[in-house]
Protein backbone atom coordinates (compact mmCIF):
# COMPACT_ATOMS: atom_id res chain seq x y z
CA MET A 1 20.36 -39.29 -32.18
CA SER A 2 22.58 -36.62 -33.34
CA ASN A 3 26.67 -37.32 -33.57
CA THR A 4 26.76 -33.18 -33.33
CA PRO A 5 29.89 -32.60 -31.02
CA HIS A 6 28.41 -29.86 -28.27
CA THR A 7 31.80 -27.94 -27.81
CA LEU A 8 31.47 -25.04 -25.38
CA GLY A 9 32.14 -22.93 -28.56
CA ASP A 10 28.91 -24.28 -30.15
CA GLU A 11 27.11 -23.71 -26.97
CA PHE A 12 28.48 -20.44 -25.71
CA PRO A 13 29.54 -18.58 -28.84
CA ASP A 14 28.62 -14.94 -27.48
CA GLN A 15 30.56 -15.75 -24.07
CA MET A 16 34.42 -17.37 -25.41
CA ASP A 17 36.22 -14.45 -24.13
CA ALA A 18 34.66 -14.69 -20.68
CA ILE A 19 34.96 -18.41 -20.19
CA HIS A 20 38.83 -17.80 -21.29
CA ALA A 21 39.13 -15.52 -18.79
CA LEU A 22 37.21 -17.04 -16.31
CA LYS A 23 39.15 -20.50 -16.65
CA ALA A 24 42.63 -18.16 -16.10
CA LYS A 25 41.48 -17.25 -12.78
CA SER A 26 39.35 -19.83 -11.45
CA PRO A 27 40.93 -23.47 -10.89
CA GLU A 28 37.37 -24.28 -9.81
CA PHE A 29 35.70 -22.88 -13.49
CA ALA A 30 38.64 -24.77 -15.25
CA HIS A 31 37.26 -28.35 -13.69
CA VAL A 32 34.37 -27.71 -14.50
CA LEU A 33 35.03 -27.06 -18.19
CA THR A 34 37.62 -30.41 -17.82
CA GLU A 35 34.54 -32.09 -16.69
CA TYR A 36 32.64 -31.19 -19.47
CA ASP A 37 34.91 -31.60 -22.40
CA ALA A 38 35.57 -35.27 -21.15
CA VAL A 39 31.63 -36.14 -20.55
CA ASN A 40 30.97 -34.60 -24.08
CA ASP A 41 33.61 -36.35 -25.70
CA LYS A 42 32.55 -39.85 -24.16
CA ILE A 43 28.94 -39.02 -25.54
CA HIS A 44 30.54 -38.02 -29.09
CA ARG A 45 32.41 -41.34 -29.20
CA SER A 46 29.06 -43.05 -28.32
CA GLU A 47 26.91 -41.22 -30.94
CA THR A 48 29.55 -42.18 -33.63
CA ARG A 49 30.18 -45.60 -32.72
CA LEU A 50 33.34 -45.21 -31.84
CA ASP A 51 32.48 -46.69 -28.03
CA ALA A 52 29.89 -48.87 -27.24
CA ILE A 53 28.14 -47.90 -24.59
CA SER A 54 24.30 -48.66 -23.51
CA GLU A 55 21.37 -46.33 -23.91
CA ALA A 56 20.92 -45.83 -20.19
CA ALA A 57 24.74 -44.70 -19.87
CA GLU A 58 24.32 -42.40 -22.74
CA ALA A 59 21.68 -41.07 -20.82
CA ASP A 60 23.14 -40.79 -17.70
CA LEU A 61 26.33 -38.98 -19.71
CA ARG A 62 23.64 -36.60 -21.31
CA ARG A 63 22.36 -35.66 -17.84
CA GLN A 64 25.74 -35.14 -16.66
CA ARG A 65 26.56 -33.12 -19.59
CA LEU A 66 23.41 -30.84 -18.89
CA MET A 67 24.28 -30.55 -15.44
CA LEU A 68 27.96 -29.48 -15.85
CA LYS A 69 26.44 -27.02 -18.59
CA ASP A 70 23.94 -25.44 -15.88
CA LYS A 71 27.33 -25.24 -13.87
CA ILE A 72 28.98 -22.99 -16.16
CA VAL A 73 26.06 -20.77 -16.65
CA ALA A 74 25.88 -20.20 -12.60
CA LEU A 75 29.37 -19.78 -12.53
CA LEU A 76 29.66 -17.42 -15.65
CA ARG A 77 26.85 -15.48 -14.19
CA ASN A 78 28.82 -14.83 -10.67
CA ALA A 79 31.57 -13.82 -12.09
């Protein structure tokens, strides 16, 4: 597995201004970003072997991260 962190800046490099603006305006969007960062950190800690979790748990976290990323995209489109 790759241990490259999937930061918002890496995932949405051309949309960081829009992300910052929407984060300031929307508590819902800010919450989704906080969730994304928390899940992403758990995945990165697992990949780098700082925290031991099962492969199934890591796969669940990856699915959760993808769902959050989809939600971020949808909220940005609707902004």
